[in-house]
Protein backbone atom coordinates (compact mmCIF):
# COMPACT_ATOMS: atom_id res chain seq x y z
CA UNK A 1 -0.26 -0.21 0.04
CA UNK A 2 1.54 3.64 -0.95
CA UNK A 3 -0.06 6.37 0.01
CA UNK A 4 0.51 10.00 -0.83
CA UNK A 5 -0.41 13.06 1.41
CA UNK A 6 -1.05 16.15 -0.07
CA UNK A 7 -1.15 19.73 1.72
CA UNK A 8 0.40 22.98 1.71
CA UNK A 9 3.42 22.70 4.59
CA UNK A 10 4.84 20.45 6.53
CA UNK A 11 5.21 22.73 9.65
CA UNK A 12 2.68 25.74 9.48
CA UNK A 13 -1.01 25.60 10.83
CA UNK A 14 -3.02 23.42 12.52
CA UNK A 15 -4.30 20.93 9.55
CA UNK A 16 -1.13 20.89 7.85
CA UNK A 17 0.45 19.73 11.76
CA UNK A 18 -2.32 17.23 11.42
CA UNK A 19 -1.27 16.13 8.17
CA UNK A 20 2.01 15.57 8.69
CA UNK A 21 1.50 13.87 12.11
CA UNK A 22 -0.64 11.13 9.83
CA UNK A 23 1.89 10.97 7.40
CA UNK A 24 4.57 10.25 10.26
CA UNK A 25 2.17 7.58 12.57
CA UNK A 26 1.92 5.62 9.26
CA UNK A 27 5.60 5.93 8.07
CA UNK A 28 7.10 3.10 9.40
CA UNK A 29 3.86 0.87 8.71
CA UNK A 30 3.03 1.50 5.07
CA UNK A 31 5.00 3.25 1.96
CA UNK A 32 3.89 6.70 2.91
CA UNK A 33 5.10 10.27 1.61
CA UNK A 34 3.92 14.17 2.33
CA UNK A 35 3.88 16.00 -0.68
CA UNK A 36 4.04 20.04 0.31
CA UNK A 37 4.88 23.52 -1.22
CA UNK A 38 6.11 25.06 1.85
CA UNK A 39 8.85 22.40 3.38
CA UNK A 40 10.88 23.67 6.49
CA UNK A 41 11.57 19.69 7.64
CA UNK A 42 14.73 17.85 6.43
CA UNK A 43 13.01 14.70 5.89
CA UNK A 44 13.46 11.93 2.61
CA UNK A 45 9.84 11.18 2.67
CA UNK A 46 8.97 15.01 2.58
CA UNK A 47 8.95 16.20 -1.28
CA UNK A 48 8.85 19.91 -1.80
CA UNK A 49 6.70 20.45 -4.87
CA UNK A 50 7.87 23.34 -7.21
CA UNK A 51 5.34 24.59 -9.59
CA UNK A 52 6.86 24.52 -13.32
CA UNK A 53 3.48 27.32 -14.20
CA UNK A 54 4.16 30.91 -15.63
CA UNK A 55 1.97 32.33 -13.00
CA UNK A 56 4.42 32.33 -9.99
CA UNK A 57 2.65 31.94 -6.27
CA UNK A 58 3.39 35.75 -5.72
CA UNK A 59 1.58 36.62 -8.60
CA UNK A 60 -1.32 34.42 -7.48
CA UNK A 61 -1.32 35.83 -3.82
CA UNK A 62 -1.39 39.06 -5.57
CA UNK A 63 -4.44 38.16 -7.70
CA UNK A 64 -6.38 36.66 -4.73
CA UNK A 65 -6.04 39.85 -2.54
CA UNK A 66 -7.74 42.20 -4.80
CA UNK A 67 -10.46 39.17 -5.03
CA UNK A 68 -10.58 39.80 -1.21
CA UNK A 69 -10.64 43.53 -1.67
CA UNK A 70 -14.26 42.76 -3.65
CA UNK A 71 -15.45 39.86 -1.37
CA UNK A 72 -14.77 40.03 2.35
CA UNK A 73 -16.48 37.77 5.02
CA UNK A 74 -15.80 37.78 8.55
CA UNK A 75 -13.49 34.83 8.05
CA UNK A 76 -10.73 33.61 5.31
CA UNK A 77 -11.19 32.90 1.93
CA UNK A 78 -9.69 30.52 -0.24
CA UNK A 79 -10.49 30.34 -3.99
CA UNK A 80 -8.30 27.66 -5.42
CA UNK A 81 -8.88 28.76 -9.31
CA UNK A 82 -5.21 28.81 -10.71
CA UNK A 83 -3.98 25.30 -12.48
CA UNK A 84 -0.50 24.11 -11.79
CA UNK A 85 1.68 21.22 -13.24
CA UNK A 86 1.03 19.60 -9.48
CA UNK A 87 -1.62 16.61 -11.02
CA UNK A 88 0.80 15.86 -13.75
CA UNK A 89 3.23 15.59 -11.22
CA UNK A 90 1.10 13.50 -9.05
CA UNK A 91 -0.06 10.91 -11.62
CA UNK A 92 3.65 9.79 -12.81
CA UNK A 93 3.89 9.18 -8.68
CA UNK A 94 3.67 5.44 -7.88
CA UNK A 95 1.37 5.72 -5.33
CA UNK A 96 -2.22 3.53 -4.62
CA UNK A 97 -4.06 6.38 -2.62
CA UNK A 98 -3.55 10.36 -3.01
CA UNK A 99 -5.10 11.83 1.05
CA UNK A 100 -5.41 15.21 0.61
CA UNK A 101 -5.31 17.92 3.36
CA UNK A 102 -5.39 21.46 3.42
CA UNK A 103 -4.35 22.33 0.00
CA UNK A 104 -5.30 26.11 -0.22
CA UNK A 105 -2.84 29.21 -1.10
CA UNK A 106 -3.85 27.83 -4.24
CA UNK A 107 -1.84 24.79 -4.12
CA UNK A 108 -3.80 22.78 -6.18
CA UNK A 109 -7.16 24.54 -8.36
CA UNK A 110 -10.71 22.83 -7.91
CA UNK A 111 -10.84 21.70 -11.62
CA UNK A 112 -7.39 20.03 -10.96
CA UNK A 113 -8.47 17.91 -8.26
CA UNK A 114 -10.96 16.10 -10.58
CA UNK A 115 -8.26 15.19 -12.90
CA UNK A 116 -6.09 12.97 -10.36
CA UNK A 117 -6.05 9.36 -11.01
CA UNK A 118 -5.55 7.62 -8.67
CA UNK A 119 -8.26 6.84 -5.43
CA UNK A 120 -8.94 10.02 -3.78
CA UNK A 121 -8.98 10.68 0.02
CA UNK A 122 -9.75 13.77 1.44
CA UNK A 123 -9.53 14.76 5.53
CA UNK A 124 -12.05 18.00 5.67
CA UNK A 125 -10.23 20.28 8.32
CA UNK A 126 -12.48 22.97 8.01
CA UNK A 127 -15.87 23.48 6.33
CA UNK A 128 -13.98 24.81 2.74
CA UNK A 129 -15.01 21.76 0.86
CA UNK A 130 -18.27 22.48 1.30
CA UNK A 131 -18.65 26.13 1.31
CA UNK A 132 -17.49 28.81 -1.01
CA UNK A 133 -14.81 30.80 -0.77
CA UNK A 134 -15.13 30.69 3.09
CA UNK A 135 -13.10 28.22 5.15
CA UNK A 136 -15.85 28.67 8.36
CA UNK A 137 -19.39 30.43 8.02
CA UNK A 138 -22.50 30.44 10.25
CA UNK A 139 -24.75 30.47 7.14
CA UNK A 140 -27.03 28.18 5.67
CA UNK A 141 -25.60 28.60 2.05
CA UNK A 142 -23.55 25.52 1.91
CA UNK A 143 -26.72 23.58 2.37
CA UNK A 144 -29.16 25.61 0.53
CA UNK A 145 -26.97 25.72 -2.45
CA UNK A 146 -25.87 29.41 -2.66
CA UNK A 147 -28.75 30.86 -4.06
CA UNK A 148 -29.32 34.28 -1.95
CA UNK A 149 -26.30 36.54 0.00
CA UNK A 150 -25.80 36.41 3.15
CA UNK A 151 -24.39 39.09 5.76
CA UNK A 152 -21.21 37.01 6.16
CA UNK A 153 -19.75 39.08 3.13
CA UNK A 154 -20.22 42.29 0.76
CA UNK A 155 -19.44 43.21 -2.74
CA UNK A 156 -19.22 40.65 -5.70
CA UNK A 157 -21.01 36.92 -4.95
CA UNK A 158 -17.28 35.01 -5.88
CA UNK A 159 -18.52 32.33 -2.96
CA UNK A 160 -21.78 31.10 -4.93
CA UNK A 161 -18.95 31.10 -8.19
CA UNK A 162 -16.26 29.02 -6.20
CA UNK A 163 -19.41 27.03 -4.96
CA UNK A 164 -20.70 26.31 -8.46
CA UNK A 165 -17.29 25.16 -9.13
CA UNK A 166 -16.86 22.67 -6.44
CA UNK A 167 -20.16 21.48 -7.45
CA UNK A 168 -19.19 20.58 -11.41
CA UNK A 169 -15.84 18.90 -10.06
CA UNK A 170 -16.03 17.55 -6.72
CA UNK A 171 -16.98 13.87 -8.15
CA UNK A 172 -18.38 10.49 -6.02
CA UNK A 173 -15.01 9.29 -6.26
CA UNK A 174 -13.92 11.41 -2.90
CA UNK A 175 -13.57 9.52 -0.08
CA UNK A 176 -13.84 11.97 2.97
CA UNK A 177 -12.47 11.85 6.44
CA UNK A 178 -13.70 13.98 9.09
CA UNK A 179 -11.88 14.79 12.49
CA UNK A 180 -14.67 15.14 14.63
CA UNK A 181 -18.41 14.52 14.86
CA UNK A 182 -19.03 18.21 14.61
CA UNK A 183 -17.60 18.79 10.96
CA UNK A 184 -18.88 15.38 9.87
CA UNK A 185 -22.77 16.53 11.00
CA UNK A 186 -22.09 19.39 8.58
CA UNK A 187 -20.68 17.85 5.58
CA UNK A 188 -23.71 15.57 5.70
CA UNK A 189 -25.97 18.66 5.80
CA UNK A 190 -24.38 20.02 2.65
CA UNK A 191 -25.55 20.58 -1.09
CA UNK A 192 -22.78 19.09 -2.49
CA UNK A 193 -21.83 16.02 -0.17
CA UNK A 194 -25.25 15.27 1.61
CA UNK A 195 -25.17 11.91 -0.03
CA UNK A 196 -21.31 10.67 0.46
CA UNK A 197 -20.53 8.44 3.24
CA UNK A 198 -18.03 10.53 5.66
CA UNK A 199 -15.44 7.94 8.24
CA UNK A 200 -14.69 9.48 11.22
CA UNK A 201 -10.80 9.79 11.80
CA UNK A 202 -9.39 11.69 14.76
CA UNK A 203 -5.86 13.66 13.87
CA UNK A 204 -2.97 11.69 15.65
CA UNK A 205 -0.55 12.87 18.06
CA UNK A 206 2.51 11.47 19.21
CA UNK A 207 1.51 10.91 22.83
CA UNK A 208 4.70 9.25 23.97
CA UNK A 209 6.41 13.02 23.61
CA UNK A 210 2.97 14.88 24.53
CA UNK A 211 2.34 13.38 28.24
CA UNK A 212 2.84 15.15 31.68
CA UNK A 213 6.09 16.05 32.73
CA UNK A 214 5.72 16.66 36.51
CA UNK A 215 9.77 17.59 37.34
CA UNK A 216 9.10 20.89 35.08
CA UNK A 217 5.51 21.79 36.72
CA UNK A 218 6.21 24.92 38.71
CA UNK A 219 3.51 26.21 40.70
CA UNK A 220 3.09 29.72 41.71
CA UNK A 221 -0.20 31.69 43.33
CA UNK A 222 -1.28 32.84 40.24
CA UNK A 223 -2.57 30.15 37.66
CA UNK A 224 -0.99 30.14 34.65
CA UNK A 225 -3.79 30.10 32.12
CA UNK A 226 -2.68 29.00 28.40
CA UNK A 227 -3.89 30.40 25.15
CA UNK A 228 -2.59 29.35 21.85
CA UNK A 229 -4.12 29.80 18.49
CA UNK A 230 -2.01 30.77 14.84
CA UNK A 231 -2.57 34.70 13.61
CA UNK A 232 -4.73 34.89 16.78
CA UNK A 233 -4.73 38.86 16.40
CA UNK A 234 -6.14 38.77 12.75
CA UNK A 235 -8.70 36.03 12.77
CA UNK A 236 -11.72 36.65 14.70
CA UNK A 237 -12.86 33.53 14.67
CA UNK A 238 -10.17 32.61 17.29
CA UNK A 239 -12.11 34.67 20.24
CA UNK A 240 -9.13 36.56 21.16
CA UNK A 241 -10.44 40.18 21.76
CA UNK A 242 -13.38 38.91 23.38
CA UNK A 243 -11.54 37.05 25.90
CA UNK A 244 -9.17 39.61 26.86
CA UNK A 245 -12.42 41.67 27.47
CA UNK A 246 -13.44 38.98 29.68
CA UNK A 247 -10.23 38.64 31.91
CA UNK A 248 -10.05 42.21 32.26
CA UNK A 249 -13.25 42.05 34.21
CA UNK A 250 -11.87 39.01 36.15
CA UNK A 251 -8.64 40.65 37.07
CA UNK A 252 -9.52 41.81 40.73
CA UNK A 253 -11.51 38.60 41.56
CA UNK A 254 -8.97 36.10 40.15
CA UNK A 255 -5.37 35.48 40.41
CA UNK A 256 -4.18 34.12 37.10
CA UNK A 257 -1.75 35.09 34.67
CA UNK A 258 -2.13 34.71 30.69
CA UNK A 259 0.83 32.84 28.42
CA UNK A 260 0.12 33.09 24.75
CA UNK A 261 1.53 31.59 21.63
CA UNK A 262 1.17 31.91 17.94
CA UNK A 263 1.09 35.69 17.42
CA UNK A 264 1.88 39.20 18.90
CA UNK A 265 -0.13 40.92 21.15
CA UNK A 266 -1.15 44.15 19.67
CA UNK A 267 0.79 46.72 21.53
CA UNK A 268 -2.49 49.00 21.84
CA UNK A 269 -4.78 46.47 23.71
CA UNK A 270 -6.13 47.25 26.77
CA UNK A 271 -4.76 44.46 29.70
CA UNK A 272 -5.20 45.35 33.12
CA UNK A 273 -3.38 41.86 34.03
CA UNK A 274 -0.36 39.71 33.75
CA UNK A 275 0.09 38.78 30.47
CA UNK A 276 3.21 36.92 28.58
CA UNK A 277 3.86 36.40 24.71
CA UNK A 278 5.86 32.67 24.62
CA UNK A 279 7.82 32.31 21.63
CA UNK A 280 6.33 30.45 18.55
CA UNK A 281 8.31 27.35 17.95
CA UNK A 282 8.10 24.52 15.34
CA UNK A 283 9.97 22.80 17.96
CA UNK A 284 7.76 20.09 19.30
CA UNK A 285 9.88 19.70 22.50
CA UNK A 286 10.06 23.19 23.50
CA UNK A 287 5.94 23.40 22.92
CA UNK A 288 5.44 20.58 25.20
CA UNK A 289 7.70 22.38 27.90
CA UNK A 290 5.18 25.25 27.58
CA UNK A 291 2.39 23.61 27.68
CA UNK A 292 3.61 21.63 30.92
CA UNK A 293 4.38 25.00 32.63
CA UNK A 294 0.63 26.12 32.22
CA UNK A 295 -1.99 24.76 34.03
CA UNK A 296 -4.97 25.30 31.86
CA UNK A 297 -5.78 25.80 28.28
CA UNK A 298 -8.58 28.21 27.45
CA UNK A 299 -9.92 27.76 23.97
CA UNK A 300 -12.94 30.55 23.31
CA UNK A 301 -13.03 29.86 19.34
CA UNK A 302 -16.14 31.24 17.26
CA UNK A 303 -16.19 27.33 15.16
CA UNK A 304 -13.54 25.16 15.37
CA UNK A 305 -13.29 21.26 13.85
CA UNK A 306 -11.01 19.46 16.12
CA UNK A 307 -7.76 22.37 17.30
CA UNK A 308 -4.37 20.26 17.60
CA UNK A 309 -3.93 22.66 20.17
CA UNK A 310 -6.66 21.09 22.72
CA UNK A 311 -5.54 17.62 22.05
CA UNK A 312 -1.89 18.80 22.78
CA UNK A 313 -3.43 20.13 26.12
CA UNK A 314 -4.94 16.84 27.11
CA UNK A 315 -1.90 14.67 25.86
CA UNK A 316 -0.15 16.81 28.58
CA UNK A 317 -2.63 16.38 31.60
CA UNK A 318 -3.78 19.98 31.77
CA UNK A 319 -7.73 20.37 31.44
CA UNK A 320 -9.24 22.45 28.79
CA UNK A 321 -11.98 25.37 28.83
CA UNK A 322 -13.53 24.98 25.82
CA UNK A 323 -16.44 26.77 24.07
CA UNK A 324 -19.38 24.24 22.53
CA UNK A 325 -19.12 25.61 19.00
CA UNK A 326 -16.18 22.72 18.12
CA UNK A 327 -15.69 19.54 18.04
CA UNK A 328 -13.57 19.48 21.39
CA UNK A 329 -17.09 18.73 23.31
CA UNK A 330 -16.71 15.23 21.82
CA UNK A 331 -13.46 14.75 24.23
CA UNK A 332 -13.95 16.55 27.17
CA UNK A 333 -16.24 15.92 30.33
CA UNK A 334 -17.13 18.63 32.23
CA UNK A 335 -14.84 19.01 35.49
CA UNK A 336 -12.96 15.78 34.58
CA UNK A 337 -10.57 17.11 31.88
CA UNK A 338 -12.00 20.56 31.40
CA UNK A 339 -14.98 22.10 30.93
CA UNK A 340 -17.50 23.24 28.27
CA UNK A 341 -18.53 26.96 28.32
CA UNK A 342 -21.84 28.23 26.65
CA UNK A 343 -20.11 31.61 26.52
CA UNK A 344 -16.85 33.34 27.61
CA UNK A 345 -18.53 35.63 29.67
CA UNK A 346 -17.14 36.61 33.19
CA UNK A 347 -19.34 34.16 35.47
CA UNK A 348 -18.72 31.26 33.04
CA UNK A 349 -15.11 31.76 33.28
CA UNK A 350 -14.49 32.69 37.11
CA UNK A 351 -15.99 29.52 37.84
CA UNK A 352 -13.87 27.69 35.13
CA UNK A 353 -10.85 29.17 36.54
CA UNK A 354 -11.92 28.52 40.46
CA UNK A 355 -12.08 24.59 39.26
CA UNK A 356 -8.93 25.01 37.83
CA UNK A 357 -7.36 26.35 41.03
CA UNK A 358 -9.17 23.67 43.75
CA UNK A 359 -7.42 20.65 41.32
CA UNK A 360 -4.12 22.24 39.92
CA UNK A 361 -2.12 20.04 42.40
CA UNK A 362 -3.57 17.13 41.80
CA UNK A 363 -1.05 14.58 39.75
CA UNK A 364 -3.43 11.73 39.18
CA UNK A 365 -6.17 14.27 37.62
CA UNK A 366 -3.10 15.04 35.33
CA UNK A 367 -1.98 11.42 34.17
CA UNK A 368 -5.85 10.08 34.11
CA UNK A 369 -6.20 13.16 31.79
CA UNK A 370 -3.49 11.74 29.81
CA UNK A 371 -4.30 8.43 29.89
CA UNK A 372 -7.87 8.69 28.69
CA UNK A 373 -7.13 10.98 25.18
CA UNK A 374 -4.33 8.26 24.40
CA UNK A 375 -7.06 5.67 23.45
CA UNK A 376 -8.45 8.11 21.22
CA UNK A 377 -5.56 10.39 19.38
CA UNK A 378 -2.12 8.00 19.51
CA UNK A 379 -0.12 7.26 16.80
CA UNK A 380 -0.57 3.26 17.23
CA UNK A 381 -5.10 4.19 17.75
CA UNK A 382 -5.34 6.34 14.56
CA UNK A 383 -3.24 4.05 12.07
CA UNK A 384 -4.89 1.01 12.78
CA UNK A 385 -8.15 2.84 11.53
CA UNK A 386 -6.72 4.71 8.93
CA UNK A 387 -5.07 2.14 7.17
CA UNK A 388 -8.03 -0.25 7.48
CA UNK A 389 -9.77 2.86 5.58
CA UNK A 390 -7.26 2.61 3.18
CA UNK A 391 -7.81 -0.88 2.70
CA UNK A 392 -11.30 -0.58 2.37
CA UNK A 393 -10.83 1.63 -0.50
CA UNK A 394 -8.57 -0.28 -2.38
CA UNK A 395 -10.18 -3.86 -1.73
CA UNK A 396 -14.02 -3.07 -1.26
């Protein structure tokens, strides 16, 4: 069995990291390679793709920025309009299955996806495959077929144009994987994929690396809270600014510090409590240390699939305080390994912080949180599930 994973990067962004981790958990069991445009790791089974087309990635990105001026959503957009030579390259490779992940930033066009001549698996890491240009949306257009505009954007209806291309080219040969039941339900409601079968398989993580390290844990009088998200200052979906507003209200009522990873904190932001930026790192050992030194992860995303940071926190044994509007509610049990909040308001967050303070020194709790999540997301668990899924596609 030979599998090629296709994703934009081998190190940046949650979906790309998930693709890399899936490749690593399969590498010792089957023939697995990772094809990326943005390569950072010097591993022999990761291939850097060089686009031979005349239109460079810089020109493509410039055109996309112009399109965004005329079509602005609350969340990010991707178009996948431009053809490249990547399909020719893929079709010449000796592989049985092409497993797509995050294929945006004009890595491959919508039309080219239909031209891949291998068995095709696609892990949906967000809502983009079923929407127009949007990666996430609160609208029901993806269910009803993009017949009317909604309040999420203004200008020309590029989402409808892109959605129509997807409807035309996304055929029945795509085998879909969803990391969360939350996203699976949305896929099965969508106009394009409502009649498809969707396999629920979690994103894997190296649980031998991501684990509690009691030797480096240092408790202070104040609770050490962690907030970790890529581009949290510019992506409103991450919920950073409402979180800061709520924590400002609690600054005199609760003793806590906030540690952030993933972006720079705006200098003009009014903050009434101690906040510290931890250096963003692609070194997982450093990240494990950062997580182990904190006592809870705050995850206030407005919408999210199955965020890596939530699983990373549970693996090191720290509880996760999450909103209910993501796939994390599928693995969080209230007051056992975290809390699910209907809203990140002052009242709810104060209760969560007090619960963390009460249980912060319980080593057995950290061990139990780690042990329970290992059953869901370890390399061993996920490799068995995905190999079985591949076999069913190849052999029926």
